[in-house]
Amino acid sequence: MSMYDSIMRGLNEAVEYERGNLKEARKHMARVMPLPFYRALDIKRIRMRLNLTQPTFANIIGVSPKTVEAWECGRNIPKGPSLRMLEMLDKDGQAMVKKYLEAR
């Protein structure tokens, strides 16, 4: 199961539990990996491998195109949730991009 599919499954289960459709939420022990570090060239490599423009890449991650531009130029570095999104795109980006483009 891809990381994207696993996250979506968990979110759907949470919604069903909140609606009262599940009597008990499944409990899973998960080890959370430390946040990775991405340099400017790493970020551009991920975007180029996925064949995305800066605006589309930014939209998928949830940041502005100017932010992606600043990351790729080395003016700024991504932090927190952006790092996790970059990690997901790096590891399983094709599936995420496909889902994003289908939803449009």
Protein backbone atom coordinates (compact mmCIF):
# COMPACT_ATOMS: atom_id res chain seq x y z
CA MET A 1 0.00 0.00 0.00
CA SER A 2 1.38 3.39 -0.91
CA MET A 3 1.89 6.06 1.73
CA TYR A 4 -0.88 8.12 0.12
CA ASP A 5 -3.31 5.18 0.21
CA SER A 6 -2.44 4.44 3.83
CA ILE A 7 -3.08 8.04 4.87
CA MET A 8 -6.35 8.16 2.95
CA ARG A 9 -7.50 4.88 4.53
CA GLY A 10 -6.78 6.26 8.00
CA LEU A 11 -8.60 9.50 7.27
CA ASN A 12 -11.63 7.66 5.90
CA GLU A 13 -11.73 5.43 8.99
CA ALA A 14 -11.58 8.51 11.22
CA VAL A 15 -14.52 10.07 9.37
CA GLU A 16 -16.57 6.88 9.61
CA TYR A 17 -15.80 6.59 13.34
CA GLU A 18 -16.86 10.21 13.90
CA ARG A 19 -20.11 9.58 12.01
CA GLY A 20 -20.80 6.61 14.29
CA ASN A 21 -20.39 4.00 11.56
CA LEU A 22 -17.54 2.25 13.37
CA LYS A 23 -17.97 1.02 16.92
CA GLU A 24 -14.30 1.15 17.67
CA ALA A 25 -11.49 2.87 15.87
CA ARG A 26 -8.66 0.64 14.80
CA LYS A 27 -5.56 1.26 16.81
CA HIS A 28 -2.23 1.06 15.11
CA MET A 29 1.17 1.61 16.57
CA ALA A 30 3.21 3.67 14.19
CA ARG A 31 6.76 4.80 14.34
CA VAL A 32 7.10 8.30 13.00
CA MET A 33 10.30 8.83 11.09
CA PRO A 34 12.24 12.04 11.68
CA LEU A 35 11.68 14.81 9.17
CA PRO A 36 14.06 14.59 6.23
CA PHE A 37 16.18 17.46 4.95
CA TYR A 38 15.92 18.58 1.33
CA ARG A 39 18.37 20.92 -0.39
CA ALA A 40 17.40 23.21 -3.25
CA LEU A 41 18.59 20.75 -5.91
CA ASP A 42 16.72 17.87 -4.24
CA ILE A 43 13.44 19.80 -4.40
CA LYS A 44 13.92 20.72 -8.04
CA ARG A 45 14.88 17.10 -8.84
CA ILE A 46 11.63 15.84 -7.27
CA ARG A 47 9.54 18.39 -9.18
CA MET A 48 11.28 17.72 -12.48
CA ARG A 49 11.02 13.93 -12.06
CA LEU A 50 7.25 14.36 -11.60
CA ASN A 51 7.14 16.63 -14.66
CA LEU A 52 5.38 19.43 -12.77
CA THR A 53 5.53 23.19 -13.09
CA GLN A 54 6.36 25.20 -9.98
CA PRO A 55 2.72 26.38 -9.60
CA THR A 56 1.30 22.84 -9.85
CA PHE A 57 3.95 21.46 -7.51
CA ALA A 58 3.20 24.26 -5.05
CA ASN A 59 -0.54 23.57 -5.24
CA ILE A 60 -0.02 19.88 -4.46
CA ILE A 61 2.16 20.70 -1.43
CA GLY A 62 -0.08 23.54 -0.28
CA VAL A 63 2.34 26.43 -0.57
CA SER A 64 2.67 29.37 -2.95
CA PRO A 65 4.63 29.14 -6.21
CA LYS A 66 6.96 31.84 -4.81
CA THR A 67 7.75 29.51 -1.91
CA VAL A 68 8.73 26.69 -4.28
CA GLU A 69 10.83 29.16 -6.27
CA ALA A 70 12.59 30.29 -3.06
CA TRP A 71 13.25 26.67 -2.04
CA GLU A 72 14.70 25.80 -5.44
CA CYS A 73 16.93 28.89 -5.41
CA GLY A 74 18.11 28.17 -1.88
CA ARG A 75 16.72 31.41 -0.45
CA ASN A 76 14.42 29.54 1.95
CA ILE A 77 14.27 26.01 3.30
CA PRO A 78 11.09 23.98 3.78
CA LYS A 79 9.99 23.19 7.32
CA GLY A 80 7.45 21.00 9.12
CA PRO A 81 4.56 19.67 7.06
CA SER A 82 6.19 20.82 3.82
CA LEU A 83 9.12 18.51 4.51
CA ARG A 84 6.76 15.59 5.04
CA MET A 85 4.93 16.39 1.79
CA LEU A 86 8.24 16.58 -0.06
CA GLU A 87 9.18 13.20 1.41
CA MET A 88 5.90 11.70 0.24
CA LEU A 89 6.34 13.15 -3.24
CA ASP A 90 9.91 11.89 -3.33
CA LYS A 91 8.94 8.34 -2.33
CA ASP A 92 5.56 7.90 -4.04
CA GLY A 93 4.99 11.04 -6.06
CA GLN A 94 3.49 9.51 -9.17
CA ALA A 95 0.49 8.13 -7.24
CA MET A 96 -0.08 11.45 -5.46
CA VAL A 97 0.15 13.45 -8.68
CA LYS A 98 -2.23 11.07 -10.43
CA LYS A 99 -4.81 11.44 -7.62
CA TYR A 100 -4.38 15.23 -7.65
CA LEU A 101 -4.86 15.49 -11.41
CA GLU A 102 -7.90 13.17 -11.35
CA ALA A 103 -9.56 15.36 -8.72
CA ARG A 104 -9.26 18.47 -10.87
